[in-house]
């Protein structure tokens, strides 16, 4: 199996300016992500950025860097530009690893790539994990996914899906147990042909309402395979509190 990991790393961040270069255990955050991606079975790991400061830092620790435009509306658009610059074939597999996930397990990078390769009918693959908290189920920042019996995504939503009508009517403050609920994890594998199609599609109505980019693919009829992650994936770094948590975790690993 052959695949390429691309790590989008934008310098600008409203909550954490310069996020890719924030220090964690003496290394910039992007280096931790790159290190973990390099531990996967990827043939190639590339950092995609629009900022020369990120480029210089990444080249300083030996990463391959691809400079991209500054005006991309989504991470998928940035991935497609990199795939085009590299001249990747339509059937090549690309895995998008977010640049703010310094704790991502390499095994799940391999898993999402393997799942796409194994499912000829899929244009994309992603992962999910069971939800065991009613608070998380109701949290719009936790994206839920409903699955078909064959493992393909039916829908992604910030809302509680599916709605367990009878269970919630009887006990509205209890997590239903009649079926599993899944939290979507934002790691994707794409066939390059899908990336090329994606950038030609206008944002869809569902995507615009939910603010979920993957819904554009579903609205266009693309098939997304979803599997339960083989390892727990810690949350990424969105806030200063997240950053401090990751620093403590990695300090503990170092000790």
Foldseek 3Di string as FASTA:
>chain_A
DEAEEEEEDEQDAPFDHRQQQDDFPRGGLLVLLQVQLVVAPYPAYEYEYQDVVVVVRQVVVPHHYDYDDPPDPDPLLSVLVVCVVVVPDQQHKYKYDYSQQSPFHNVQSNVQRVVPVVDVQAQKEFEKAWDDDPVLLAALVFKWFDADPVQKTPDIASHRPPDPVVVCVVPVRHDDDPDTIITTDPMMMGRSNVSVVLVVQDDDPVCVVRVDSVVSCVVVPGIYGYYHGPDDGDDGDRHPVRVVVSSVVVVVVVD
